[in-house]
């Protein structure tokens, strides 16, 4: 149930233009301070996960690795492995769903 809420929020973020998609754009957004939450598929390449983890730690941006590429793709309606929220309110709501389901953040 909470995972479905996370996926619905991704779709809403995309439609409201508060979600940046694609590895290159998300990396650029992290460096510029535009991205406030990174969502990366847990089955992404090792190199992608390492790069995003490094950037997240460097810029102090939360990183979520709980969804799969298939789930992100289905929620967005286009093939994506990485996306990031640029809206703090949506990011906070997404994290609240993560807190309820897992009890911890990455």
C-alpha atoms as a PDB file:
ATOM      1  CA  UNK A   1       0.000   0.000   0.000  1.00  0.00           C
ATOM      2  CA  UNK A   2       2.712   2.508   0.949  1.00  0.00           C
ATOM      3  CA  UNK A   3       4.802   1.509  -2.058  1.00  0.00           C
ATOM      4  CA  UNK A   4       1.813   2.265  -4.279  1.00  0.00           C
ATOM      5  CA  UNK A   5       1.539   5.706  -2.647  1.00  0.00           C
ATOM      6  CA  UNK A   6       5.227   6.295  -3.408  1.00  0.00           C
ATOM      7  CA  UNK A   7       4.688   5.302  -7.043  1.00  0.00           C
ATOM      8  CA  UNK A   8       1.582   7.499  -7.307  1.00  0.00           C
ATOM      9  CA  UNK A   9       3.581  10.430  -5.924  1.00  0.00           C
ATOM     10  CA  UNK A  10       6.260   9.874  -8.571  1.00  0.00           C
ATOM     11  CA  UNK A  11       3.599  10.095 -11.285  1.00  0.00           C
ATOM     12  CA  UNK A  12       2.106  13.214  -9.700  1.00  0.00           C
ATOM     13  CA  UNK A  13       5.567  14.781  -9.435  1.00  0.00           C
ATOM     14  CA  UNK A  14       6.183  14.140 -13.122  1.00  0.00           C
ATOM     15  CA  UNK A  15       2.854  15.636 -14.166  1.00  0.00           C
ATOM     16  CA  UNK A  16       3.379  18.708 -11.957  1.00  0.00           C
ATOM     17  CA  UNK A  17       6.969  19.135 -13.223  1.00  0.00           C
ATOM     18  CA  UNK A  18       8.433  18.637  -9.758  1.00  0.00           C
ATOM     19  CA  UNK A  19      10.298  15.478 -10.744  1.00  0.00           C
ATOM     20  CA  UNK A  20      13.546  15.386 -12.707  1.00  0.00           C
ATOM     21  CA  UNK A  21      14.148  12.131 -14.567  1.00  0.00           C
ATOM     22  CA  UNK A  22      17.222  10.591 -16.093  1.00  0.00           C
ATOM     23  CA  UNK A  23      20.662  10.048 -14.608  1.00  0.00           C
ATOM     24  CA  UNK A  24      22.410  13.001 -16.248  1.00  0.00           C
ATOM     25  CA  UNK A  25      19.690  15.526 -15.414  1.00  0.00           C
ATOM     26  CA  UNK A  26      19.419  14.288 -11.828  1.00  0.00           C
ATOM     27  CA  UNK A  27      23.204  14.507 -11.359  1.00  0.00           C
ATOM     28  CA  UNK A  28      23.163  18.057 -12.727  1.00  0.00           C
ATOM     29  CA  UNK A  29      20.231  18.907 -10.433  1.00  0.00           C
ATOM     30  CA  UNK A  30      22.052  17.534  -7.387  1.00  0.00           C
ATOM     31  CA  UNK A  31      25.120  19.644  -8.133  1.00  0.00           C
ATOM     32  CA  UNK A  32      23.019  22.777  -8.642  1.00  0.00           C
ATOM     33  CA  UNK A  33      20.969  22.183  -5.487  1.00  0.00           C
ATOM     34  CA  UNK A  34      17.710  21.745  -7.376  1.00  0.00           C
ATOM     35  CA  UNK A  35      17.180  18.065  -6.447  1.00  0.00           C
ATOM     36  CA  UNK A  36      16.152  17.555  -2.803  1.00  0.00           C
ATOM     37  CA  UNK A  37      15.536  13.777  -2.928  1.00  0.00           C
ATOM     38  CA  UNK A  38      17.076  11.144  -5.203  1.00  0.00           C
ATOM     39  CA  UNK A  39      15.231   7.966  -6.129  1.00  0.00           C
ATOM     40  CA  UNK A  40      17.430   5.334  -7.755  1.00  0.00           C
ATOM     41  CA  UNK A  41      16.377   1.810  -8.667  1.00  0.00           C
ATOM     42  CA  UNK A  42      17.935  -0.850  -6.483  1.00  0.00           C
ATOM     43  CA  UNK A  43      18.710  -2.856  -9.624  1.00  0.00           C
ATOM     44  CA  UNK A  44      20.551   0.025 -11.324  1.00  0.00           C
ATOM     45  CA  UNK A  45      24.143  -0.511 -12.376  1.00  0.00           C
ATOM     46  CA  UNK A  46      26.765  -0.599  -9.649  1.00  0.00           C
ATOM     47  CA  UNK A  47      28.464   2.457 -11.159  1.00  0.00           C
ATOM     48  CA  UNK A  48      25.233   4.485 -11.156  1.00  0.00           C
ATOM     49  CA  UNK A  49      24.497   3.632  -7.533  1.00  0.00           C
ATOM     50  CA  UNK A  50      28.062   4.466  -6.466  1.00  0.00           C
ATOM     51  CA  UNK A  51      28.024   7.818  -8.311  1.00  0.00           C
ATOM     52  CA  UNK A  52      24.658   8.826  -6.859  1.00  0.00           C
ATOM     53  CA  UNK A  53      25.648   7.710  -3.369  1.00  0.00           C
ATOM     54  CA  UNK A  54      28.795   9.821  -3.588  1.00  0.00           C
ATOM     55  CA  UNK A  55      26.869  12.886  -4.827  1.00  0.00           C
ATOM     56  CA  UNK A  56      24.122  12.378  -2.222  1.00  0.00           C
ATOM     57  CA  UNK A  57      26.675  12.249   0.588  1.00  0.00           C
ATOM     58  CA  UNK A  58      28.615  15.202  -0.790  1.00  0.00           C
ATOM     59  CA  UNK A  59      25.538  17.415  -1.204  1.00  0.00           C
ATOM     60  CA  UNK A  60      23.645  15.957   1.798  1.00  0.00           C
ATOM     61  CA  UNK A  61      20.649  14.869  -0.275  1.00  0.00           C
ATOM     62  CA  UNK A  62      18.606  11.807   0.810  1.00  0.00           C
ATOM     63  CA  UNK A  63      18.868   8.769  -1.482  1.00  0.00           C
ATOM     64  CA  UNK A  64      16.178   6.089  -1.750  1.00  0.00           C
ATOM     65  CA  UNK A  65      17.106   2.682  -3.178  1.00  0.00           C
ATOM     66  CA  UNK A  66      13.895   0.771  -2.437  1.00  0.00           C
ATOM     67  CA  UNK A  67      12.157   0.704  -5.841  1.00  0.00           C
ATOM     68  CA  UNK A  68      13.068  -1.287  -8.950  1.00  0.00           C
ATOM     69  CA  UNK A  69      13.551  -0.024 -12.484  1.00  0.00           C
ATOM     70  CA  UNK A  70      10.303  -1.713 -13.492  1.00  0.00           C
ATOM     71  CA  UNK A  71       8.340   0.024 -10.731  1.00  0.00           C
ATOM     72  CA  UNK A  72       9.784   3.454 -11.568  1.00  0.00           C
ATOM     73  CA  UNK A  73       9.150   2.870 -15.285  1.00  0.00           C
ATOM     74  CA  UNK A  74       5.544   1.882 -14.637  1.00  0.00           C
ATOM     75  CA  UNK A  75       4.926   4.895 -12.379  1.00  0.00           C
ATOM     76  CA  UNK A  76       6.385   7.366 -14.877  1.00  0.00           C
ATOM     77  CA  UNK A  77       5.176   5.761 -18.083  1.00  0.00           C
ATOM     78  CA  UNK A  78       8.674   5.893 -19.575  1.00  0.00           C
ATOM     79  CA  UNK A  79      11.810   3.832 -18.993  1.00  0.00           C
ATOM     80  CA  UNK A  80      13.785   5.402 -16.143  1.00  0.00           C
ATOM     81  CA  UNK A  81      16.167   4.179 -13.458  1.00  0.00           C
ATOM     82  CA  UNK A  82      16.847   7.472 -11.684  1.00  0.00           C
ATOM     83  CA  UNK A  83      14.655  10.430 -10.769  1.00  0.00           C
ATOM     84  CA  UNK A  84      14.696  13.188  -8.205  1.00  0.00           C
ATOM     85  CA  UNK A  85      12.182  15.517  -6.584  1.00  0.00           C
ATOM     86  CA  UNK A  86      12.779  19.248  -6.886  1.00  0.00           C
ATOM     87  CA  UNK A  87       9.849  20.092  -4.594  1.00  0.00           C
ATOM     88  CA  UNK A  88      10.551  19.870  -0.846  1.00  0.00           C
ATOM     89  CA  UNK A  89       6.926  19.169   0.080  1.00  0.00           C
ATOM     90  CA  UNK A  90       6.662  16.210  -2.281  1.00  0.00           C
ATOM     91  CA  UNK A  91      10.049  14.911  -1.153  1.00  0.00           C
ATOM     92  CA  UNK A  92       8.945  15.148   2.482  1.00  0.00           C
ATOM     93  CA  UNK A  93       5.704  13.269   1.696  1.00  0.00           C
ATOM     94  CA  UNK A  94       7.644  10.554  -0.182  1.00  0.00           C
ATOM     95  CA  UNK A  95      10.036  10.163   2.758  1.00  0.00           C
ATOM     96  CA  UNK A  96       7.110   9.912   5.182  1.00  0.00           C
ATOM     97  CA  UNK A  97       5.854   6.884   3.224  1.00  0.00           C
ATOM     98  CA  UNK A  98       9.345   5.412   3.371  1.00  0.00           C
ATOM     99  CA  UNK A  99       9.554   6.011   7.131  1.00  0.00           C
ATOM    100  CA  UNK A 100       6.232   4.255   7.680  1.00  0.00           C
ATOM    101  CA  UNK A 101       7.159   1.226   5.594  1.00  0.00           C
ATOM    102  CA  UNK A 102      10.820   0.778   6.533  1.00  0.00           C
ATOM    103  CA  UNK A 103      11.419   2.822   9.626  1.00  0.00           C
ATOM    104  CA  UNK A 104      14.712   4.088   8.228  1.00  0.00           C
ATOM    105  CA  UNK A 105      16.296   6.035   5.391  1.00  0.00           C
ATOM    106  CA  UNK A 106      19.347   5.330   3.281  1.00  0.00           C
END
